[in-house]
N, C-alpha and C. Protein backbone atom coordinates (compact mmCIF):
# COMPACT_ATOMS: atom_id res chain seq x y z
N MET A 1 -8.89 6.00 21.79
CA MET A 1 -9.22 7.10 20.94
C MET A 1 -10.05 6.63 19.74
N LYS A 2 -11.12 7.51 19.39
CA LYS A 2 -12.02 7.11 18.37
C LYS A 2 -11.28 6.99 16.99
N TRP A 3 -10.47 7.85 16.57
CA TRP A 3 -9.84 7.71 15.17
C TRP A 3 -8.96 6.46 15.18
N ARG A 4 -8.39 6.00 16.24
CA ARG A 4 -7.54 4.82 16.37
C ARG A 4 -8.44 3.58 16.08
N GLU A 5 -9.59 3.52 16.69
CA GLU A 5 -10.56 2.45 16.52
C GLU A 5 -11.07 2.44 15.06
N GLU A 6 -11.47 3.54 14.55
CA GLU A 6 -11.99 3.76 13.26
C GLU A 6 -11.04 3.24 12.21
N GLY A 7 -9.75 3.59 12.35
CA GLY A 7 -8.70 3.22 11.33
C GLY A 7 -8.16 1.83 11.65
N ASP A 8 -8.55 1.18 12.67
CA ASP A 8 -8.00 -0.12 13.08
C ASP A 8 -6.45 -0.02 13.24
N ILE A 9 -6.04 1.02 13.79
CA ILE A 9 -4.56 1.37 13.90
C ILE A 9 -3.80 0.11 14.60
N ASP A 10 -4.37 -0.38 15.58
CA ASP A 10 -3.68 -1.42 16.35
C ASP A 10 -3.37 -2.56 15.59
N ASN A 11 -4.00 -2.80 14.43
CA ASN A 11 -3.82 -4.03 13.64
C ASN A 11 -3.24 -3.70 12.30
N ILE A 12 -2.72 -2.41 12.08
CA ILE A 12 -2.26 -1.92 10.78
C ILE A 12 -1.15 -2.82 10.21
N LYS A 13 -0.24 -3.35 11.10
CA LYS A 13 0.87 -4.13 10.66
C LYS A 13 0.39 -5.53 10.11
N LEU A 14 -0.74 -5.93 10.69
CA LEU A 14 -1.28 -7.20 10.23
C LEU A 14 -2.05 -7.27 8.97
N TRP A 15 -2.46 -6.06 8.56
CA TRP A 15 -3.22 -5.93 7.30
C TRP A 15 -2.35 -6.07 6.04
N GLU A 16 -2.95 -6.71 5.09
CA GLU A 16 -2.23 -6.92 3.89
C GLU A 16 -3.26 -6.52 2.68
N ALA A 17 -2.73 -5.74 1.77
CA ALA A 17 -3.60 -5.30 0.65
C ALA A 17 -3.95 -6.51 -0.22
N PRO A 18 -5.20 -6.42 -0.87
CA PRO A 18 -5.73 -7.53 -1.68
C PRO A 18 -4.70 -7.66 -2.85
N GLN A 19 -4.58 -8.88 -3.40
CA GLN A 19 -3.62 -9.08 -4.55
C GLN A 19 -3.98 -8.31 -5.66
N ASP A 20 -5.29 -8.14 -6.01
CA ASP A 20 -5.76 -7.38 -7.23
C ASP A 20 -5.30 -5.90 -7.05
N LEU A 21 -5.26 -5.34 -5.89
CA LEU A 21 -4.78 -4.00 -5.61
C LEU A 21 -3.29 -3.96 -5.86
N LYS A 22 -2.57 -4.90 -5.39
CA LYS A 22 -1.13 -4.91 -5.51
C LYS A 22 -0.79 -4.99 -7.00
N ASP A 23 -1.51 -5.81 -7.74
CA ASP A 23 -1.32 -5.89 -9.27
C ASP A 23 -1.52 -4.56 -9.96
N LEU A 24 -2.41 -3.72 -9.43
CA LEU A 24 -2.61 -2.46 -10.12
C LEU A 24 -1.56 -1.41 -9.72
N LEU A 25 -0.93 -1.58 -8.59
CA LEU A 25 0.06 -0.61 -8.04
C LEU A 25 1.39 -1.36 -7.79
N PRO A 26 2.00 -1.80 -8.83
CA PRO A 26 3.23 -2.65 -8.63
C PRO A 26 4.40 -1.92 -7.91
N GLU A 27 5.05 -2.61 -6.98
CA GLU A 27 6.31 -2.17 -6.36
C GLU A 27 7.03 -3.35 -5.88
N GLN A 28 8.36 -3.22 -5.66
CA GLN A 28 9.10 -4.39 -5.27
C GLN A 28 10.21 -3.86 -4.33
N VAL A 29 10.52 -4.70 -3.30
CA VAL A 29 11.65 -4.39 -2.40
C VAL A 29 12.88 -4.98 -3.20
N ILE A 30 13.86 -4.14 -3.42
CA ILE A 30 14.97 -4.58 -4.12
C ILE A 30 16.26 -4.66 -3.25
N GLY A 31 16.23 -4.35 -2.06
CA GLY A 31 17.19 -4.43 -1.16
C GLY A 31 17.09 -3.56 0.14
N PHE A 32 18.15 -3.36 0.84
CA PHE A 32 18.13 -2.61 2.08
C PHE A 32 19.27 -1.67 2.06
N ASP A 33 19.14 -0.52 2.61
CA ASP A 33 20.19 0.50 2.71
C ASP A 33 21.13 0.28 3.92
N HIS A 34 22.07 1.17 4.17
CA HIS A 34 22.99 0.98 5.34
C HIS A 34 22.27 1.04 6.67
N THR A 35 20.99 1.55 6.82
CA THR A 35 20.39 1.59 8.04
C THR A 35 19.28 0.47 8.07
N ASN A 36 19.40 -0.45 7.18
CA ASN A 36 18.47 -1.56 7.09
C ASN A 36 17.09 -1.12 6.74
N SER A 37 16.85 -0.01 6.04
CA SER A 37 15.54 0.46 5.61
C SER A 37 15.37 -0.17 4.21
N PRO A 38 14.14 -0.56 3.88
CA PRO A 38 13.95 -1.15 2.54
C PRO A 38 14.15 -0.12 1.46
N VAL A 39 14.64 -0.61 0.28
CA VAL A 39 14.79 0.17 -0.90
C VAL A 39 13.77 -0.41 -1.90
N LEU A 40 12.81 0.49 -2.27
CA LEU A 40 11.72 0.03 -3.13
C LEU A 40 11.93 0.48 -4.61
N LEU A 41 11.55 -0.37 -5.51
CA LEU A 41 11.38 -0.07 -6.97
C LEU A 41 9.97 0.14 -7.18
N ILE A 42 9.56 1.29 -7.47
CA ILE A 42 8.12 1.63 -7.73
C ILE A 42 8.01 2.01 -9.10
N LEU A 43 7.29 1.27 -9.95
CA LEU A 43 7.09 1.59 -11.38
C LEU A 43 5.82 2.47 -11.59
N PHE A 44 5.85 3.74 -11.26
CA PHE A 44 4.72 4.65 -11.36
C PHE A 44 4.04 4.54 -12.70
N GLY A 45 4.88 4.38 -13.73
CA GLY A 45 4.21 4.29 -15.09
C GLY A 45 3.35 3.15 -15.30
N LYS A 46 3.48 2.17 -14.54
CA LYS A 46 2.71 0.93 -14.67
C LYS A 46 1.52 0.98 -13.63
N TRP A 47 1.40 2.00 -12.91
CA TRP A 47 0.33 2.08 -11.96
C TRP A 47 -1.02 2.41 -12.68
N ASP A 48 -2.09 1.90 -12.33
CA ASP A 48 -3.38 2.25 -12.89
C ASP A 48 -4.22 2.72 -11.79
N LEU A 49 -3.94 3.96 -11.38
CA LEU A 49 -4.57 4.61 -10.22
C LEU A 49 -6.12 4.78 -10.44
N LYS A 50 -6.57 5.08 -11.71
CA LYS A 50 -7.97 5.26 -11.96
C LYS A 50 -8.71 4.01 -11.74
N LYS A 51 -8.22 2.91 -12.22
CA LYS A 51 -8.87 1.58 -12.09
C LYS A 51 -8.86 1.17 -10.53
N ALA A 52 -7.64 1.42 -9.88
CA ALA A 52 -7.53 1.21 -8.48
C ALA A 52 -8.51 1.91 -7.64
N GLU A 53 -8.73 3.15 -7.98
CA GLU A 53 -9.70 3.97 -7.20
C GLU A 53 -11.19 3.52 -7.48
N GLN A 54 -11.39 3.20 -8.77
CA GLN A 54 -12.78 2.74 -9.02
C GLN A 54 -13.12 1.39 -8.35
N GLU A 55 -12.10 0.49 -8.20
CA GLU A 55 -12.37 -0.83 -7.73
C GLU A 55 -12.18 -0.84 -6.15
N PHE A 56 -11.32 -0.06 -5.59
CA PHE A 56 -11.12 -0.09 -4.19
C PHE A 56 -11.36 1.16 -3.38
N GLY A 57 -11.38 2.27 -4.00
CA GLY A 57 -11.54 3.58 -3.33
C GLY A 57 -10.26 4.08 -2.83
N GLN A 58 -10.30 5.44 -2.48
CA GLN A 58 -9.16 6.15 -2.03
C GLN A 58 -8.69 5.68 -0.77
N ASP A 59 -9.50 5.35 0.16
CA ASP A 59 -9.12 4.94 1.53
C ASP A 59 -8.37 3.67 1.55
N MET A 60 -8.74 2.80 0.71
CA MET A 60 -7.99 1.51 0.57
C MET A 60 -6.61 1.69 -0.02
N ILE A 61 -6.55 2.57 -1.06
CA ILE A 61 -5.26 2.90 -1.74
C ILE A 61 -4.28 3.54 -0.66
N LEU A 62 -4.80 4.45 0.05
CA LEU A 62 -3.96 5.15 1.05
C LEU A 62 -3.53 4.25 2.16
N ARG A 63 -4.36 3.38 2.49
CA ARG A 63 -4.00 2.41 3.55
C ARG A 63 -2.89 1.44 3.02
N CYS A 64 -3.01 1.13 1.74
CA CYS A 64 -1.97 0.21 1.18
C CYS A 64 -0.63 0.83 0.99
N LYS A 65 -0.69 2.15 0.60
CA LYS A 65 0.65 2.84 0.33
C LYS A 65 0.96 3.66 1.34
C-alpha cells in the first residue's frame, strides 16, 4: 500500500526520535501497570511545542508522539 510505504510503517518500531526533539518534549516511563502497559510521566508544562514545530515540523512531532 502506498501510504504504508510513504510512512515507512514497516520500520516504525525501529525509528527513534532525535535527542534534540526528545529534549523539547520531555517524558519518562515511570513504571508499568497491572497489564504491563507503560505508565508515562509527561511534563506538558515543560514542552516547547512552538520550537519543536519550527525545528522539526508537525510530521516529525506526530511520528515521535
